[in-house]
Amino acid sequence: MIKRMNQVFKKRYAPLNSIFSASVIKYLMGCMPVKENAKYGFSNGVYTIVSPKGTQRVYVQLKANQLQANNIKRNDTIGPVVFEELLLQGDSGVINTSVYKFSKPSFDIDFLSIPLKFRPAVSTLPNQLTSNINGAVYIGRREDVYFLKRKNDLFGGFSSSIDHYGFSFGIFTGLGSTAINPWVTNNAINMEYDGAVVPIGITGLFAVNNIAFGIASGIDHLLSKDRNVWIYKGKPWIGLSVALNLN
């Protein structure tokens, strides 16, 4: 019966399928509910989908445990709808797996912390690894990618899952601290204190679900009067960045 319905469907809608005029995907998620509440969770919106049928731009709507995707034309209007059900039940005794990739770009604003900074050797001081308190505001472009997987088993059932990854690149600035003493001023001062700095730099972030971390590079601008004798003035550093989303 299913094969007969598929034959009728293909014969009737073959021209539309050939140009991806529209697609509605029914994706039963089994006992695993689709995430809708988090900003970077899989939710309603416009995505680029990569599937066995090719690459399309679609508008995704989530209804309970069902995913429906309508193809979007170049003028960003939802075109005529062609219904297609992704049946994973293959021949008896055969395990069939389908993977669909959904991606979505966005503007990213994060609170950024750099817990570790590596400063190359300067003057008489060797390489330094510091862990001063700091915080920054990060602005960049983000790309979120979701891999939806369905796999049937030998007993007629199936399992499903969603893997989420994010990639972001941008700039940051904020406020932090650094140790000021005779060693980092070539003995120009004879006291020790924590100086306030304004870091400015770039970072690339990689996110797995709600955790984002990456590598940052920047320059610290010392705010105290000893800025001109500070040996790290204008010297770049490399650090570990950890981000918390604000928008």
C-alpha atoms as a PDB file:
ATOM      1  CA  MET A   1       0.000   0.000   0.000  1.00  0.00           C
ATOM      2  CA  ILE A   2       2.790   2.395   0.926  1.00  0.00           C
ATOM      3  CA  LYS A   3       4.720   1.561  -2.244  1.00  0.00           C
ATOM      4  CA  ARG A   4       1.586   2.210  -4.335  1.00  0.00           C
ATOM      5  CA  MET A   5       1.051   5.597  -2.672  1.00  0.00           C
ATOM      6  CA  ASN A   6       4.696   6.534  -3.273  1.00  0.00           C
ATOM      7  CA  GLN A   7       4.400   5.612  -6.961  1.00  0.00           C
ATOM      8  CA  VAL A   8       1.291   7.799  -7.350  1.00  0.00           C
ATOM      9  CA  PHE A   9       3.008  10.662  -5.494  1.00  0.00           C
ATOM     10  CA  LYS A  10       6.170  10.521  -7.617  1.00  0.00           C
ATOM     11  CA  LYS A  11       4.227  10.396 -10.870  1.00  0.00           C
ATOM     12  CA  ARG A  12       2.021  13.333  -9.947  1.00  0.00           C
ATOM     13  CA  TYR A  13       4.629  15.646  -8.402  1.00  0.00           C
ATOM     14  CA  ALA A  14       7.852  14.706 -10.201  1.00  0.00           C
ATOM     15  CA  PRO A  15       8.210  18.070 -12.027  1.00  0.00           C
ATOM     16  CA  LEU A  16       7.874  19.998  -8.777  1.00  0.00           C
ATOM     17  CA  ASN A  17      10.322  17.747  -6.964  1.00  0.00           C
ATOM     18  CA  SER A  18      12.931  18.236  -9.674  1.00  0.00           C
ATOM     19  CA  ILE A  19      13.172  21.964  -8.936  1.00  0.00           C
ATOM     20  CA  PHE A  20      12.548  21.796  -5.183  1.00  0.00           C
ATOM     21  CA  SER A  21       9.490  24.000  -5.522  1.00  0.00           C
ATOM     22  CA  ALA A  22       8.327  23.041  -2.040  1.00  0.00           C
ATOM     23  CA  SER A  23       8.722  20.440   0.675  1.00  0.00           C
ATOM     24  CA  VAL A  24       6.964  19.537   3.895  1.00  0.00           C
ATOM     25  CA  ILE A  25       8.864  17.090   6.066  1.00  0.00           C
ATOM     26  CA  LYS A  26       7.104  15.096   8.737  1.00  0.00           C
ATOM     27  CA  TYR A  27       9.778  14.220  11.190  1.00  0.00           C
ATOM     28  CA  LEU A  28       8.528  12.109  14.093  1.00  0.00           C
ATOM     29  CA  MET A  29      10.899  12.616  16.997  1.00  0.00           C
ATOM     30  CA  GLY A  30       9.700   9.574  18.984  1.00  0.00           C
ATOM     31  CA  CYS A  31      10.112  10.016  22.725  1.00  0.00           C
ATOM     32  CA  MET A  32      12.655  12.849  22.361  1.00  0.00           C
ATOM     33  CA  PRO A  33      10.900  16.250  22.325  1.00  0.00           C
ATOM     34  CA  VAL A  34      12.198  19.021  20.077  1.00  0.00           C
ATOM     35  CA  LYS A  35      13.871  21.924  21.915  1.00  0.00           C
ATOM     36  CA  GLU A  36      11.948  25.177  21.465  1.00  0.00           C
ATOM     37  CA  ASN A  37      12.686  27.417  24.444  1.00  0.00           C
ATOM     38  CA  ALA A  38      16.407  28.265  24.105  1.00  0.00           C
ATOM     39  CA  LYS A  39      17.504  30.926  21.654  1.00  0.00           C
ATOM     40  CA  TYR A  40      19.838  28.478  19.986  1.00  0.00           C
ATOM     41  CA  GLY A  41      17.560  25.485  20.357  1.00  0.00           C
ATOM     42  CA  PHE A  42      15.907  24.065  17.251  1.00  0.00           C
ATOM     43  CA  SER A  43      12.797  26.235  16.824  1.00  0.00           C
ATOM     44  CA  ASN A  44      10.502  27.815  14.221  1.00  0.00           C
ATOM     45  CA  GLY A  45      12.333  29.892  11.628  1.00  0.00           C
ATOM     46  CA  VAL A  46      14.146  30.032   8.310  1.00  0.00           C
ATOM     47  CA  TYR A  47      16.916  27.475   7.765  1.00  0.00           C
ATOM     48  CA  THR A  48      19.077  26.083   5.008  1.00  0.00           C
ATOM     49  CA  ILE A  49      18.579  22.334   4.865  1.00  0.00           C
ATOM     50  CA  VAL A  50      20.942  19.750   3.392  1.00  0.00           C
ATOM     51  CA  SER A  51      19.183  16.432   2.841  1.00  0.00           C
ATOM     52  CA  PRO A  52      19.371  13.446   0.472  1.00  0.00           C
ATOM     53  CA  LYS A  53      17.341  15.579  -1.983  1.00  0.00           C
ATOM     54  CA  GLY A  54      19.876  18.423  -2.045  1.00  0.00           C
ATOM     55  CA  THR A  55      20.131  21.914  -0.517  1.00  0.00           C
ATOM     56  CA  GLN A  56      17.044  24.079   0.037  1.00  0.00           C
ATOM     57  CA  ARG A  57      15.984  27.154   2.002  1.00  0.00           C
ATOM     58  CA  VAL A  58      12.988  26.291   4.158  1.00  0.00           C
ATOM     59  CA  TYR A  59      10.727  27.685   6.842  1.00  0.00           C
ATOM     60  CA  VAL A  60      10.531  25.216   9.736  1.00  0.00           C
ATOM     61  CA  GLN A  61       7.447  24.847  11.923  1.00  0.00           C
ATOM     62  CA  LEU A  62       7.467  22.583  14.965  1.00  0.00           C
ATOM     63  CA  LYS A  63       4.229  20.992  16.122  1.00  0.00           C
ATOM     64  CA  ALA A  64       4.513  18.659  19.113  1.00  0.00           C
ATOM     65  CA  ASN A  65       6.855  15.892  17.885  1.00  0.00           C
ATOM     66  CA  GLN A  66       6.385  16.730  14.220  1.00  0.00           C
ATOM     67  CA  LEU A  67       8.638  18.854  12.036  1.00  0.00           C
ATOM     68  CA  GLN A  68       7.183  20.576   8.981  1.00  0.00           C
ATOM     69  CA  ALA A  69       9.419  22.408   6.489  1.00  0.00           C
ATOM     70  CA  ASN A  70       8.080  24.541   3.628  1.00  0.00           C
ATOM     71  CA  ASN A  71      10.371  25.415   0.755  1.00  0.00           C
ATOM     72  CA  ILE A  72      10.969  29.153   0.333  1.00  0.00           C
ATOM     73  CA  LYS A  73      11.420  30.739  -3.063  1.00  0.00           C
ATOM     74  CA  ARG A  74      14.084  33.346  -3.733  1.00  0.00           C
ATOM     75  CA  ASN A  75      11.611  36.136  -3.001  1.00  0.00           C
ATOM     76  CA  ASP A  76      11.251  34.696   0.530  1.00  0.00           C
ATOM     77  CA  THR A  77       7.629  33.659   0.094  1.00  0.00           C
ATOM     78  CA  ILE A  78       6.445  30.161   0.875  1.00  0.00           C
ATOM     79  CA  GLY A  79       5.735  28.475  -2.438  1.00  0.00           C
ATOM     80  CA  PRO A  80       3.238  25.741  -3.372  1.00  0.00           C
ATOM     81  CA  VAL A  81       3.391  22.892  -0.905  1.00  0.00           C
ATOM     82  CA  VAL A  82       4.273  19.380  -2.000  1.00  0.00           C
ATOM     83  CA  PHE A  83       3.822  16.787   0.726  1.00  0.00           C
ATOM     84  CA  GLU A  84       6.503  14.210   1.233  1.00  0.00           C
ATOM     85  CA  GLU A  85       6.796  11.748   4.091  1.00  0.00           C
ATOM     86  CA  LEU A  86      10.236  10.477   4.985  1.00  0.00           C
ATOM     87  CA  LEU A  87       9.658   6.779   5.521  1.00  0.00           C
ATOM     88  CA  LEU A  88      12.593   5.025   7.127  1.00  0.00           C
ATOM     89  CA  GLN A  89      11.154   1.536   7.175  1.00  0.00           C
ATOM     90  CA  GLY A  90      13.332  -0.281   4.667  1.00  0.00           C
ATOM     91  CA  ASP A  91      13.416  -3.900   3.643  1.00  0.00           C
ATOM     92  CA  SER A  92      13.088  -6.442   6.409  1.00  0.00           C
ATOM     93  CA  GLY A  93      16.344  -6.917   8.273  1.00  0.00           C
ATOM     94  CA  VAL A  94      17.924  -3.719   6.873  1.00  0.00           C
ATOM     95  CA  ILE A  95      18.883  -0.780   9.139  1.00  0.00           C
ATOM     96  CA  ASN A  96      18.249   2.563   7.435  1.00  0.00           C
ATOM     97  CA  THR A  97      19.638   5.895   8.692  1.00  0.00           C
ATOM     98  CA  SER A  98      18.760   9.414   7.513  1.00  0.00           C
ATOM     99  CA  VAL A  99      20.607  12.586   8.488  1.00  0.00           C
ATOM    100  CA  TYR A 100      19.316  16.106   7.791  1.00  0.00           C
ATOM    101  CA  LYS A 101      21.443  19.201   8.348  1.00  0.00           C
ATOM    102  CA  PHE A 102      19.721  22.508   9.226  1.00  0.00           C
ATOM    103  CA  SER A 103      21.765  25.718   9.500  1.00  0.00           C
ATOM    104  CA  LYS A 104      20.809  29.274  10.498  1.00  0.00           C
ATOM    105  CA  PRO A 105      22.900  32.492  10.698  1.00  0.00           C
ATOM    106  CA  SER A 106      22.326  35.108  13.399  1.00  0.00           C
ATOM    107  CA  PHE A 107      23.759  38.230  15.041  1.00  0.00           C
ATOM    108  CA  ASP A 108      25.507  37.367  18.294  1.00  0.00           C
ATOM    109  CA  ILE A 109      25.957  39.445  21.480  1.00  0.00           C
ATOM    110  CA  ASP A 110      27.738  37.632  24.320  1.00  0.00           C
ATOM    111  CA  PHE A 111      29.324  38.272  27.678  1.00  0.00           C
ATOM    112  CA  LEU A 112      32.904  37.119  27.239  1.00  0.00           C
ATOM    113  CA  SER A 113      35.501  36.095  29.790  1.00  0.00           C
ATOM    114  CA  ILE A 114      39.137  35.271  29.086  1.00  0.00           C
ATOM    115  CA  PRO A 115      40.307  33.141  32.027  1.00  0.00           C
ATOM    116  CA  LEU A 116      43.795  32.513  30.597  1.00  0.00           C
ATOM    117  CA  LYS A 117      46.141  34.791  28.648  1.00  0.00           C
ATOM    118  CA  PHE A 118      49.474  33.824  27.132  1.00  0.00           C
ATOM    119  CA  ARG A 119      51.928  36.719  26.746  1.00  0.00           C
ATOM    120  CA  PRO A 120      55.105  36.127  24.695  1.00  0.00           C
ATOM    121  CA  ALA A 121      58.483  36.925  26.226  1.00  0.00           C
ATOM    122  CA  VAL A 122      59.275  40.651  26.441  1.00  0.00           C
ATOM    123  CA  SER A 123      62.482  42.305  27.606  1.00  0.00           C
ATOM    124  CA  THR A 124      63.912  40.243  30.493  1.00  0.00           C
ATOM    125  CA  LEU A 125      60.658  38.399  31.275  1.00  0.00           C
ATOM    126  CA  PRO A 126      59.981  34.932  29.811  1.00  0.00           C
ATOM    127  CA  ASN A 127      56.641  33.762  28.407  1.00  0.00           C
ATOM    128  CA  GLN A 128      53.809  34.481  30.831  1.00  0.00           C
ATOM    129  CA  LEU A 129      50.493  32.670  31.443  1.00  0.00           C
ATOM    130  CA  THR A 130      48.154  34.873  33.484  1.00  0.00           C
ATOM    131  CA  SER A 131      44.664  34.407  34.933  1.00  0.00           C
ATOM    132  CA  ASN A 132      43.504  37.896  35.936  1.00  0.00           C
ATOM    133  CA  ILE A 133      39.848  38.841  36.354  1.00  0.00           C
ATOM    134  CA  ASN A 134      38.282  40.299  33.204  1.00  0.00           C
ATOM    135  CA  GLY A 135      35.016  40.615  31.337  1.00  0.00           C
ATOM    136  CA  ALA A 136      34.046  41.867  27.893  1.00  0.00           C
ATOM    137  CA  VAL A 137      31.137  42.351  25.530  1.00  0.00           C
ATOM    138  CA  TYR A 138      31.393  40.343  22.328  1.00  0.00           C
ATOM    139  CA  ILE A 139      29.658  41.135  19.014  1.00  0.00           C
ATOM    140  CA  GLY A 140      29.850  38.839  16.018  1.00  0.00           C
ATOM    141  CA  ARG A 141      28.200  36.659  13.409  1.00  0.00           C
ATOM    142  CA  ARG A 142      27.040  33.197  14.415  1.00  0.00           C
ATOM    143  CA  GLU A 143      26.079  30.099  12.454  1.00  0.00           C
ATOM    144  CA  ASP A 144      24.060  27.397  14.231  1.00  0.00           C
ATOM    145  CA  VAL A 145      23.955  23.908  12.747  1.00  0.00           C
ATOM    146  CA  TYR A 146      21.538  21.140  13.741  1.00  0.00           C
ATOM    147  CA  PHE A 147      21.906  17.505  12.678  1.00  0.00           C
ATOM    148  CA  LEU A 148      18.601  15.629  12.870  1.00  0.00           C
ATOM    149  CA  LYS A 149      19.084  11.879  12.749  1.00  0.00           C
ATOM    150  CA  ARG A 150      16.610   9.030  12.469  1.00  0.00           C
ATOM    151  CA  LYS A 151      17.532   5.391  12.481  1.00  0.00           C
ATOM    152  CA  ASN A 152      15.237   2.406  12.267  1.00  0.00           C
ATOM    153  CA  ASP A 153      16.043  -0.935  13.854  1.00  0.00           C
ATOM    154  CA  LEU A 154      15.530  -4.568  12.937  1.00  0.00           C
ATOM    155  CA  PHE A 155      12.260  -4.726  14.881  1.00  0.00           C
ATOM    156  CA  GLY A 156      10.317  -1.986  13.083  1.00  0.00           C
ATOM    157  CA  GLY A 157      11.014   0.790  15.602  1.00  0.00           C
ATOM    158  CA  PHE A 158      13.292   3.815  15.311  1.00  0.00           C
ATOM    159  CA  SER A 159      15.354   6.230  17.356  1.00  0.00           C
ATOM    160  CA  SER A 160      16.016   9.918  16.745  1.00  0.00           C
ATOM    161  CA  SER A 161      18.334  12.629  18.014  1.00  0.00           C
ATOM    162  CA  ILE A 162      19.351  16.265  17.518  1.00  0.00           C
ATOM    163  CA  ASP A 163      22.998  17.364  17.647  1.00  0.00           C
ATOM    164  CA  HIS A 164      23.600  21.125  17.852  1.00  0.00           C
ATOM    165  CA  TYR A 165      26.818  23.027  17.113  1.00  0.00           C
ATOM    166  CA  GLY A 166      27.485  26.743  16.791  1.00  0.00           C
ATOM    167  CA  PHE A 167      30.282  28.749  15.196  1.00  0.00           C
ATOM    168  CA  SER A 168      30.846  32.450  15.795  1.00  0.00           C
ATOM    169  CA  PHE A 169      33.477  35.051  14.954  1.00  0.00           C
ATOM    170  CA  GLY A 170      33.654  38.692  16.059  1.00  0.00           C
ATOM    171  CA  ILE A 171      35.197  41.449  18.144  1.00  0.00           C
ATOM    172  CA  PHE A 172      35.169  42.269  21.864  1.00  0.00           C
ATOM    173  CA  THR A 173      36.108  44.943  24.377  1.00  0.00           C
ATOM    174  CA  GLY A 174      35.657  45.254  28.125  1.00  0.00           C
ATOM    175  CA  LEU A 175      37.492  45.734  31.408  1.00  0.00           C
ATOM    176  CA  GLY A 176      40.083  43.652  33.215  1.00  0.00           C
ATOM    177  CA  SER A 177      43.086  43.764  35.504  1.00  0.00           C
ATOM    178  CA  THR A 178      46.783  42.995  35.303  1.00  0.00           C
ATOM    179  CA  ALA A 179      49.698  42.931  37.728  1.00  0.00           C
ATOM    180  CA  ILE A 180      51.854  46.077  37.680  1.00  0.00           C
ATOM    181  CA  ASN A 181      55.235  45.839  39.449  1.00  0.00           C
ATOM    182  CA  PRO A 182      58.917  46.619  38.913  1.00  0.00           C
ATOM    183  CA  TRP A 183      59.411  43.521  36.721  1.00  0.00           C
ATOM    184  CA  VAL A 184      56.818  44.541  34.102  1.00  0.00           C
ATOM    185  CA  THR A 185      57.997  48.170  34.045  1.00  0.00           C
ATOM    186  CA  ASN A 186      61.751  47.552  33.730  1.00  0.00           C
ATOM    187  CA  ASN A 187      62.134  48.791  37.352  1.00  0.00           C
ATOM    188  CA  ALA A 188      60.618  52.161  36.491  1.00  0.00           C
ATOM    189  CA  ILE A 189      58.392  51.899  39.593  1.00  0.00           C
ATOM    190  CA  ASN A 190      59.062  50.443  43.061  1.00  0.00           C
ATOM    191  CA  MET A 191      55.556  49.299  44.056  1.00  0.00           C
ATOM    192  CA  GLU A 192      53.062  46.588  43.146  1.00  0.00           C
ATOM    193  CA  TYR A 193      49.365  46.918  42.332  1.00  0.00           C
ATOM    194  CA  ASP A 194      46.633  45.572  40.073  1.00  0.00           C
ATOM    195  CA  GLY A 195      46.167  47.908  37.133  1.00  0.00           C
ATOM    196  CA  ALA A 196      42.924  48.266  35.204  1.00  0.00           C
ATOM    197  CA  VAL A 197      43.110  47.441  31.492  1.00  0.00           C
ATOM    198  CA  VAL A 198      40.742  47.718  28.538  1.00  0.00           C
ATOM    199  CA  PRO A 199      41.168  44.674  26.269  1.00  0.00           C
ATOM    200  CA  ILE A 200      40.317  44.949  22.569  1.00  0.00           C
ATOM    201  CA  GLY A 201      40.511  41.985  20.231  1.00  0.00           C
ATOM    202  CA  ILE A 202      38.921  39.263  18.132  1.00  0.00           C
ATOM    203  CA  THR A 203      37.797  35.745  18.957  1.00  0.00           C
ATOM    204  CA  GLY A 204      36.360  32.670  17.333  1.00  0.00           C
ATOM    205  CA  LEU A 205      33.860  30.620  19.324  1.00  0.00           C
ATOM    206  CA  PHE A 206      32.680  27.031  19.048  1.00  0.00           C
ATOM    207  CA  ALA A 207      29.477  26.047  20.833  1.00  0.00           C
ATOM    208  CA  VAL A 208      28.114  22.647  21.801  1.00  0.00           C
ATOM    209  CA  ASN A 209      24.505  23.125  22.890  1.00  0.00           C
ATOM    210  CA  ASN A 210      24.679  25.985  25.480  1.00  0.00           C
ATOM    211  CA  ILE A 211      28.439  26.038  26.087  1.00  0.00           C
ATOM    212  CA  ALA A 212      30.655  28.313  23.941  1.00  0.00           C
ATOM    213  CA  PHE A 213      34.429  28.537  24.094  1.00  0.00           C
ATOM    214  CA  GLY A 214      37.243  29.487  21.764  1.00  0.00           C
ATOM    215  CA  ILE A 215      40.546  31.246  21.132  1.00  0.00           C
ATOM    216  CA  ALA A 216      40.946  35.018  21.472  1.00  0.00           C
ATOM    217  CA  SER A 217      43.692  37.446  20.543  1.00  0.00           C
ATOM    218  CA  GLY A 218      43.970  41.075  21.565  1.00  0.00           C
ATOM    219  CA  ILE A 219      45.839  43.995  23.080  1.00  0.00           C
ATOM    220  CA  ASP A 220      45.418  45.429  26.597  1.00  0.00           C
ATOM    221  CA  HIS A 221      45.391  49.180  27.158  1.00  0.00           C
ATOM    222  CA  LEU A 222      46.573  50.041  30.681  1.00  0.00           C
ATOM    223  CA  LEU A 223      44.557  52.858  32.279  1.00  0.00           C
ATOM    224  CA  SER A 224      47.038  53.904  34.960  1.00  0.00           C
ATOM    225  CA  LYS A 225      49.775  56.551  34.619  1.00  0.00           C
ATOM    226  CA  ASP A 226      52.382  53.785  34.245  1.00  0.00           C
ATOM    227  CA  ARG A 227      51.096  52.796  30.806  1.00  0.00           C
ATOM    228  CA  ASN A 228      54.115  54.263  29.022  1.00  0.00           C
ATOM    229  CA  VAL A 229      56.632  52.164  30.984  1.00  0.00           C
ATOM    230  CA  TRP A 230      54.567  48.943  30.906  1.00  0.00           C
ATOM    231  CA  ILE A 231      56.509  46.392  28.854  1.00  0.00           C
ATOM    232  CA  TYR A 232      53.296  44.861  27.438  1.00  0.00           C
ATOM    233  CA  LYS A 233      52.046  48.133  25.974  1.00  0.00           C
ATOM    234  CA  GLY A 234      50.878  47.414  22.413  1.00  0.00           C
ATOM    235  CA  LYS A 235      51.930  43.743  22.715  1.00  0.00           C
ATOM    236  CA  PRO A 236      49.371  41.152  21.547  1.00  0.00           C
ATOM    237  CA  TRP A 237      48.368  38.138  23.621  1.00  0.00           C
ATOM    238  CA  ILE A 238      46.518  34.879  22.928  1.00  0.00           C
ATOM    239  CA  GLY A 239      43.920  33.528  25.344  1.00  0.00           C
ATOM    240  CA  LEU A 240      41.135  31.083  26.076  1.00  0.00           C
ATOM    241  CA  SER A 241      37.655  32.636  25.748  1.00  0.00           C
ATOM    242  CA  VAL A 242      34.383  31.480  27.318  1.00  0.00           C
ATOM    243  CA  ALA A 243      31.069  33.090  26.327  1.00  0.00           C
ATOM    244  CA  LEU A 244      27.592  33.482  27.793  1.00  0.00           C
ATOM    245  CA  ASN A 245      24.855  34.606  25.400  1.00  0.00           C
ATOM    246  CA  LEU A 246      23.063  37.895  26.153  1.00  0.00           C
ATOM    247  CA  ASN A 247      20.495  38.083  23.317  1.00  0.00           C
END
